[in-house]
Structures are given as structure tokens and as C-alpha cells.
Amino acid sequence: MSVRTYNPSVRVGNWNEDICLEEDLLKDFLGKKERGELLVQKTHNLLENILKKKELSVSTDGFVHFGDTVMIVNPGQEDIPHSLQQVEPPRPPTSLSINMDEYKMHLAQQVEAPCSLSASRILNPCARNSFVITSIDGSENGSPLRFGQPFAISTTSGYAGNLKVFSDHARFNLSAKKSRQQIIQLIDELNYLTTWQALAFHPQQRLEYEGLPVPTNCKIVIMHNKTGQELSVPSDCGLKTPFGREYEVSAHTVLDSHKAEKDNNHWVLVTGNPSDDETTHFDRPIPEPSGVPKTEEAKPQPANPEVTEAKPSTS
């Protein structure tokens, strides 16, 4: 095989074949450009569609309302220092997100049902991880969501398709792929299988909290109405997605020895930051306790408090 050392315009060797090959490459490029199959076009479609920035609702009274656009965030696994049982690093905070097939993600005009969900490390509000609290009992938009009140979790309108989060009892042909627990996916109809309710974080306070408004940016538990199982992030079930390594989402109640839910079932309904349009309430710094100066140096204490410095005699 000879190596070409001249430009195809130079009539040396198989110059005619070289010109035909370059014309074919140009035709393939123009064809992919017309069909939107170029990598730069696919990346642009992702940024304009599923990764398009969304503005979360801002709560003025500190409660979640019907019609609010929120992020559903799992705070992650607590890091236990000097723990012999914790071999892998703790699970980071993740948000409930749409997990589309990569082929459909580039070509579909909007998210189509049925569509799976995952727990993503992307905590910036976008079309993929923003959801709307939807009323199913006739409550008006703007009225507060209360503990024990049924509601639906919908994707946003537009590209996300306004789909509903669905779950049902695990069956042979309908279950989570990795954990084999109750499946969590999106469907395009509103029925009893798409209804959920919020429970108080502390199990012994749930009767007292029944009927009270659900606060924003606080840990709660989200339970499926039909099956009684709670929204969960299994720590040992990872998924490979076009956006990297993520976690599977299922409906399964994980209890500790005190019959309380573990961090797999803890969720936070994150709203927008009223003081900053670029961040969420989840990104706000923890305020310092009131009454404590920010910079207060501790006075040095003597090694033995009983021994004091001798005062000079005045006589």
C-alpha cells in the first residue's frame, strides 16, 4: 500500500479515488448536519432541552404549595467517623431526575412515557430534576400541601412532558432492574398508582403533624399511597447513564433497629433561594447561632485554676 504524499489535485497515483473519497466524506458530513446527528448539535440539544435551567418556586411562608416547582433531593448518607462497617465512601446528596434513553434524548421532541428515574448528583435546577407538586383532590394551586394529604409528583411542562411519578407492587415483569424492588417510573396518566403523601421525619410525631403544612427545605418521608412503601435510594445499586454514574430509585422502606427510616428514605423539597436567583435554598450557608460573636478569642486559662498569681503587698 502506497502512502499519498501529494494533494489529490496533483494527478499522481490513485488521484481519482482520493477525490471521490473526500466527496463522500463531505456528503456524509452534510447529511448528518441536516439530520442533527453531529456531536456539537447533540450537545446543543441537551443544553436546550433536558439540561435547560429551571427556576424553582420561592416560598414566602416556608411551606410547600400545590403548583410549586421544586427539586426532590436526598441529603445523602451521613459520614460516620472511625466506622469499621463503612467500607465505601458515603453516598453524596442526589436529586430525583429523569433518566431517558440516550438515543431518545437526542432525537425525541419531548420525554415519552414510560420513562425511568434515577438519583443524580446534579443539584442545579433543570428540566431533568424539577418537579411540580400536583393536586388530585381539588385543592387550588397556591394552597399549602399538608402531611397525609395525597398529591402527585409531575414533571414540568414542555420538553419534560408533564408526566407523573408512578409505582406499583413488584412483579416478575415490573420491578427495579438492580434492586428488584418496587419500580419508580413516569407515566402519562393520573390515577391512584401515581398518588403519594408526605410524612413527618420523626416517626413518633406523625400523629401530631397530621394535617399541618409541609415545610420546605426540611427532611420528610414520601410514601406511596397504594403500597405503603416509601421513596428510596438504594446505596448499593448504581446505574450508568449518559450523565455519569448515578443511583437507582425505588419504592422501599428501609428501617433501622428503632423502627425509624434510614437516610435512604429521607427527602427534602428544595425551593428557590429568595436572595439569589442563581442558587437554591439547598445551597444557602448554615446561619450562625444568634448572640454569639463571630470572632471571639478564648481567654487563656491557668493550668491549675486553684493557683492564682500573688498580688503585691500594699503595706
Protein backbone atom coordinates (compact mmCIF):
# COMPACT_ATOMS: atom_id res chain seq x y z
CA MET A 1 0.00 0.00 0.00
CA SER A 2 1.46 3.32 -1.08
CA VAL A 3 1.32 6.40 1.14
CA ARG A 4 -0.04 9.54 -0.52
CA THR A 5 2.46 12.38 -0.35
CA TYR A 6 0.67 14.86 -2.64
CA ASN A 7 -2.63 16.69 -2.62
CA PRO A 8 -5.44 14.94 -4.60
CA SER A 9 -5.34 17.84 -7.07
CA VAL A 10 -1.94 16.54 -8.13
CA ARG A 11 -2.58 13.83 -10.70
CA VAL A 12 -0.30 11.21 -9.16
CA GLY A 13 -1.28 7.66 -8.20
CA ASN A 14 -4.96 6.97 -7.39
CA TRP A 15 -5.89 10.64 -7.53
CA ASN A 16 -9.39 9.97 -8.83
CA GLU A 17 -10.22 7.62 -5.93
CA ASP A 18 -8.88 10.16 -3.40
CA ILE A 19 -11.14 12.88 -4.80
CA CYS A 20 -14.17 10.54 -4.65
CA LEU A 21 -13.40 9.64 -1.02
CA GLU A 22 -13.23 13.28 0.02
CA GLU A 23 -16.52 14.00 -1.76
CA ASP A 24 -18.15 11.06 0.05
CA LEU A 25 -16.86 12.35 3.40
CA LEU A 26 -18.30 15.79 2.65
CA LYS A 27 -21.68 14.27 1.70
CA ASP A 28 -21.77 12.24 4.94
CA PHE A 29 -20.98 15.37 6.94
CA LEU A 30 -23.72 17.42 5.26
CA GLY A 31 -26.21 14.57 5.70
CA LYS A 32 -25.51 14.30 9.43
CA LYS A 33 -25.77 18.06 9.74
CA GLU A 34 -29.23 18.08 8.14
CA ARG A 35 -30.42 15.25 10.41
CA GLY A 36 -28.92 16.88 13.53
CA GLU A 37 -26.60 13.96 14.21
CA LEU A 38 -23.39 15.93 14.70
CA LEU A 39 -21.89 15.80 18.18
CA VAL A 40 -22.00 19.57 18.56
CA GLN A 41 -25.69 19.57 17.60
CA LYS A 42 -26.49 16.79 20.08
CA THR A 43 -24.73 18.68 22.86
CA HIS A 44 -26.65 21.84 21.98
CA ASN A 45 -29.95 19.91 22.06
CA LEU A 46 -29.14 18.59 25.53
CA LEU A 47 -28.40 22.07 26.85
CA GLU A 48 -31.57 23.46 25.27
CA ASN A 49 -33.88 20.63 26.34
CA ILE A 50 -33.25 18.27 29.23
CA LEU A 51 -30.49 20.37 30.84
CA LYS A 52 -32.26 23.69 30.35
CA LYS A 53 -32.21 25.78 33.51
CA LYS A 54 -35.44 25.95 35.51
CA GLU A 55 -36.47 28.47 38.13
CA LEU A 56 -37.76 26.91 41.33
CA SER A 57 -40.67 28.39 43.24
CA VAL A 58 -39.84 30.71 46.13
CA SER A 59 -41.82 30.08 49.32
CA THR A 60 -42.71 33.22 51.26
CA ASP A 61 -44.23 31.43 54.27
CA GLY A 62 -41.84 28.46 54.49
CA PHE A 63 -44.35 25.83 53.31
CA VAL A 64 -44.83 23.75 50.15
CA HIS A 65 -47.82 24.69 48.00
CA PHE A 66 -49.68 22.97 45.19
CA GLY A 67 -48.30 24.11 41.87
CA ASP A 68 -44.81 24.77 43.26
CA THR A 69 -41.81 23.74 41.17
CA VAL A 70 -39.31 22.03 43.48
CA MET A 71 -36.36 19.68 43.50
CA ILE A 72 -36.72 16.41 45.41
CA VAL A 73 -33.30 15.89 46.99
CA ASN A 74 -31.97 13.04 49.10
CA PRO A 75 -29.48 14.59 51.57
CA GLY A 76 -27.17 11.61 51.23
CA GLN A 77 -25.52 9.25 53.66
CA GLU A 78 -24.02 10.51 56.87
CA ASP A 79 -20.30 10.04 57.26
CA ILE A 80 -19.66 8.04 60.44
CA PRO A 81 -16.07 8.68 61.61
CA HIS A 82 -14.00 5.69 62.68
CA SER A 83 -16.67 3.26 61.50
CA LEU A 84 -15.48 -0.25 60.68
CA GLN A 85 -18.67 -1.13 58.79
CA GLN A 86 -18.41 1.75 56.31
CA VAL A 87 -16.04 0.47 53.64
CA GLU A 88 -17.10 2.65 50.68
CA PRO A 89 -17.37 6.47 50.81
CA PRO A 90 -20.75 7.82 51.96
CA ARG A 91 -23.46 8.36 49.37
CA PRO A 92 -23.49 12.02 48.28
CA PRO A 93 -26.63 14.18 48.05
CA THR A 94 -28.67 13.29 44.97
CA SER A 95 -31.78 14.63 43.27
CA LEU A 96 -34.67 12.72 41.72
CA SER A 97 -34.08 13.00 37.95
CA ILE A 98 -35.40 11.83 34.61
CA ASN A 99 -33.31 9.00 33.14
CA MET A 100 -34.02 8.92 29.39
CA ASP A 101 -32.52 6.53 26.89
CA GLU A 102 -29.53 8.17 25.18
CA TYR A 103 -30.92 7.65 21.68
CA LYS A 104 -34.29 9.19 22.55
CA MET A 105 -32.59 12.01 24.41
CA HIS A 106 -31.01 13.29 21.19
CA LEU A 107 -33.92 12.76 18.81
CA ALA A 108 -37.21 12.91 20.76
CA GLN A 109 -39.13 16.19 20.85
CA GLN A 110 -40.09 15.59 24.49
CA VAL A 111 -39.89 12.94 27.21
CA GLU A 112 -42.09 9.99 26.33
CA ALA A 113 -43.77 7.59 28.74
CA PRO A 114 -42.86 5.18 30.19
CA CYS A 115 -39.57 6.68 31.33
CA SER A 116 -37.33 5.62 34.21
CA LEU A 117 -35.99 7.79 37.04
CA SER A 118 -32.66 7.91 38.83
CA ALA A 119 -30.90 9.78 41.63
CA SER A 120 -28.42 12.19 40.06
CA ARG A 121 -25.59 14.18 41.61
CA ILE A 122 -26.65 17.20 39.54
CA LEU A 123 -28.15 19.60 42.08
CA ASN A 124 -28.63 22.57 39.75
CA PRO A 125 -32.32 23.01 38.86
CA CYS A 126 -33.01 21.99 35.27
CA ALA A 127 -35.78 20.31 33.28
CA ARG A 128 -34.38 16.93 34.27
CA ASN A 129 -34.68 17.28 38.06
CA SER A 130 -37.50 19.82 38.54
CA PHE A 131 -40.94 18.56 39.55
CA VAL A 132 -44.34 20.11 40.21
CA ILE A 133 -46.49 19.33 43.27
CA THR A 134 -49.85 18.49 41.68
CA SER A 135 -53.24 18.39 43.43
CA ILE A 136 -55.53 15.39 42.96
CA ASP A 137 -58.31 16.22 45.46
CA GLY A 138 -59.40 19.56 44.01
CA SER A 139 -57.14 21.78 46.10
CA GLU A 140 -56.33 25.04 44.37
CA ASN A 141 -52.84 25.98 43.29
CA GLY A 142 -51.25 28.10 45.98
CA SER A 143 -52.85 26.26 48.89
CA PRO A 144 -50.36 24.56 51.22
CA LEU A 145 -49.63 20.85 50.98
CA ARG A 146 -50.36 19.09 54.28
CA PHE A 147 -48.99 15.97 55.92
CA GLY A 148 -51.11 12.95 54.98
CA GLN A 149 -52.74 14.72 52.03
CA PRO A 150 -52.49 12.82 48.73
CA PHE A 151 -50.70 14.54 45.88
CA ALA A 152 -49.00 13.71 42.59
CA ILE A 153 -45.42 14.43 41.51
CA SER A 154 -45.36 15.73 37.92
CA THR A 155 -42.57 16.72 35.61
CA THR A 156 -42.59 20.24 34.25
CA SER A 157 -44.45 21.16 31.08
CA GLY A 158 -42.73 21.47 27.72
CA TYR A 159 -39.87 19.10 26.99
CA ALA A 160 -40.36 17.14 30.25
CA GLY A 161 -43.85 16.19 29.06
CA ASN A 162 -45.89 16.76 32.26
CA LEU A 163 -45.60 13.08 33.26
CA LYS A 164 -46.49 11.58 36.66
CA VAL A 165 -44.29 9.54 39.03
CA PHE A 166 -45.73 6.01 39.19
CA SER A 167 -45.15 2.94 41.36
CA ASP A 168 -46.80 -0.43 41.97
CA HIS A 169 -46.16 -3.74 43.71
CA ALA A 170 -43.06 -5.51 42.45
CA ARG A 171 -43.84 -8.24 39.95
CA PHE A 172 -41.80 -10.53 37.75
CA ASN A 173 -42.06 -8.21 34.75
CA LEU A 174 -42.36 -4.89 36.64
CA SER A 175 -39.65 -4.12 39.15
CA ALA A 176 -36.44 -2.15 39.56
CA LYS A 177 -33.60 -3.53 37.44
CA LYS A 178 -30.86 -3.74 40.07
CA SER A 179 -32.58 -3.99 43.46
CA ARG A 180 -35.73 -5.86 42.19
CA GLN A 181 -37.81 -3.62 44.46
CA GLN A 182 -40.87 -1.58 43.52
CA ILE A 183 -40.32 0.26 40.28
CA ILE A 184 -40.36 4.05 40.03
CA GLN A 185 -41.08 5.45 36.58
CA LEU A 186 -43.00 8.14 34.71
CA ILE A 187 -46.36 7.59 33.02
CA ASP A 188 -48.71 9.95 31.16
CA GLU A 189 -51.93 9.44 33.16
CA LEU A 190 -53.12 10.41 36.63
CA ASN A 191 -54.52 7.54 38.71
CA TYR A 192 -54.27 6.00 42.19
CA LEU A 193 -50.87 4.50 41.39
CA THR A 194 -49.42 7.98 40.96
CA THR A 195 -50.54 9.35 44.34
CA TRP A 196 -48.15 9.99 47.23
CA GLN A 197 -48.27 11.58 50.65
CA ALA A 198 -45.72 13.33 52.87
CA LEU A 199 -44.96 12.02 56.36
CA ALA A 200 -43.16 13.77 59.19
CA PHE A 201 -39.47 12.99 59.56
CA HIS A 202 -39.77 11.70 63.16
CA PRO A 203 -41.96 8.56 63.37
CA GLN A 204 -43.28 9.36 66.87
CA GLN A 205 -44.52 12.80 65.82
CA ARG A 206 -46.54 11.83 62.76
CA LEU A 207 -49.91 11.80 64.51
CA GLU A 208 -49.29 15.30 65.85
CA TYR A 209 -48.16 16.56 62.43
CA GLU A 210 -51.15 15.08 60.58
CA GLY A 211 -52.92 17.89 58.71
CA LEU A 212 -50.19 20.50 59.27
CA PRO A 213 -48.50 22.22 56.28
CA VAL A 214 -45.36 20.58 54.92
CA PRO A 215 -42.30 22.82 55.43
CA THR A 216 -39.83 23.46 52.64
CA ASN A 217 -36.15 22.51 52.77
CA CYS A 218 -36.67 20.10 55.69
CA LYS A 219 -36.33 16.33 55.83
CA ILE A 220 -39.56 14.42 55.21
CA VAL A 221 -40.62 10.95 54.07
CA ILE A 222 -42.59 10.42 50.83
CA MET A 223 -44.87 7.36 50.91
CA HIS A 224 -46.77 5.69 48.07
CA ASN A 225 -50.48 5.62 48.85
CA LYS A 226 -51.37 2.20 47.44
CA THR A 227 -48.40 0.09 48.51
CA GLY A 228 -47.31 1.97 51.65
CA GLN A 229 -43.68 1.81 50.54
CA GLU A 230 -41.52 4.91 50.69
CA LEU A 231 -39.41 6.59 48.04
CA SER A 232 -35.87 5.25 48.43
CA VAL A 233 -32.33 5.45 47.07
CA PRO A 234 -30.54 2.09 47.49
CA SER A 235 -26.91 2.71 48.35
CA ASP A 236 -25.53 -0.36 46.56
CA CYS A 237 -27.40 -0.04 43.25
CA GLY A 238 -25.53 2.17 40.81
CA LEU A 239 -26.55 2.99 37.25
CA LYS A 240 -24.61 4.01 34.17
CA THR A 241 -26.34 6.94 32.48
CA PRO A 242 -25.31 9.45 29.78
CA PHE A 243 -24.66 11.89 32.63
CA GLY A 244 -22.30 9.60 34.53
CA ARG A 245 -22.63 7.24 37.47
CA GLU A 246 -25.94 7.62 39.30
CA TYR A 247 -28.12 5.68 41.74
CA GLU A 248 -31.25 3.66 41.21
CA VAL A 249 -34.55 4.89 42.68
CA SER A 250 -37.20 2.53 44.04
CA ALA A 251 -40.09 2.40 46.49
CA HIS A 252 -38.89 0.50 49.54
CA THR A 253 -38.98 1.30 53.26
CA VAL A 254 -35.60 0.85 54.96
CA LEU A 255 -35.83 0.79 58.78
CA ASP A 256 -33.18 0.74 61.48
CA SER A 257 -33.29 -1.07 64.83
CA HIS A 258 -35.53 1.69 66.28
CA LYS A 259 -38.18 1.24 63.53
CA ALA A 260 -37.22 4.62 62.04
CA GLU A 261 -36.44 5.25 58.37
CA LYS A 262 -32.79 5.33 57.37
CA ASP A 263 -31.26 8.06 55.23
CA ASN A 264 -32.28 6.11 52.10
CA ASN A 265 -35.88 7.31 52.67
CA HIS A 266 -35.10 10.91 53.64
CA TRP A 267 -36.07 13.62 51.14
CA VAL A 268 -36.06 17.41 51.02
CA LEU A 269 -38.40 19.52 48.88
CA VAL A 270 -35.95 22.20 47.79
CA THR A 271 -37.29 25.60 46.72
CA GLY A 272 -35.61 28.63 45.19
CA ASN A 273 -33.35 30.96 47.12
CA PRO A 274 -35.23 34.26 47.65
CA SER A 275 -31.98 36.23 47.97
CA ASP A 276 -30.24 34.81 44.89
CA ASP A 277 -31.63 33.81 41.51
CA GLU A 278 -28.65 31.58 40.67
CA THR A 279 -28.81 29.18 43.64
CA THR A 280 -31.36 27.14 45.54
CA HIS A 281 -32.28 27.03 49.20
CA PHE A 282 -30.17 23.87 49.46
CA ASP A 283 -27.03 25.95 48.73
CA ARG A 284 -27.58 28.54 51.45
CA PRO A 285 -24.98 28.55 54.24
CA ILE A 286 -25.96 27.42 57.71
CA PRO A 287 -26.62 30.52 59.84
CA GLU A 288 -24.57 31.03 62.97
CA PRO A 289 -26.32 30.97 66.38
CA SER A 290 -27.62 34.36 67.46
CA GLY A 291 -25.94 36.06 70.40
CA VAL A 292 -22.53 34.52 69.72
CA PRO A 293 -19.90 36.91 68.32
CA LYS A 294 -18.29 35.75 65.06
CA THR A 295 -14.72 36.37 66.26
CA GLU A 296 -14.34 35.86 69.96
CA GLU A 297 -11.00 34.62 71.14
CA ALA A 298 -10.95 32.50 74.25
CA LYS A 299 -9.03 33.95 77.13
CA PRO A 300 -6.07 31.83 78.28
CA GLN A 301 -6.77 29.93 81.50
CA PRO A 302 -4.15 28.91 84.04
CA ALA A 303 -3.13 25.29 84.08
CA ASN A 304 -4.25 24.91 87.68
CA PRO A 305 -7.28 27.12 88.48
CA GLU A 306 -6.61 26.90 92.20
CA VAL A 307 -3.19 28.53 91.87
CA THR A 308 -3.53 32.30 91.36
CA GLU A 309 -0.93 34.95 90.84
CA ALA A 310 0.27 36.55 94.12
CA LYS A 311 -0.64 40.21 94.45
CA PRO A 312 1.99 42.67 95.76
CA SER A 313 1.53 43.78 99.35
CA THR A 314 0.38 47.39 99.89
CA SER A 315 1.77 47.69 103.39
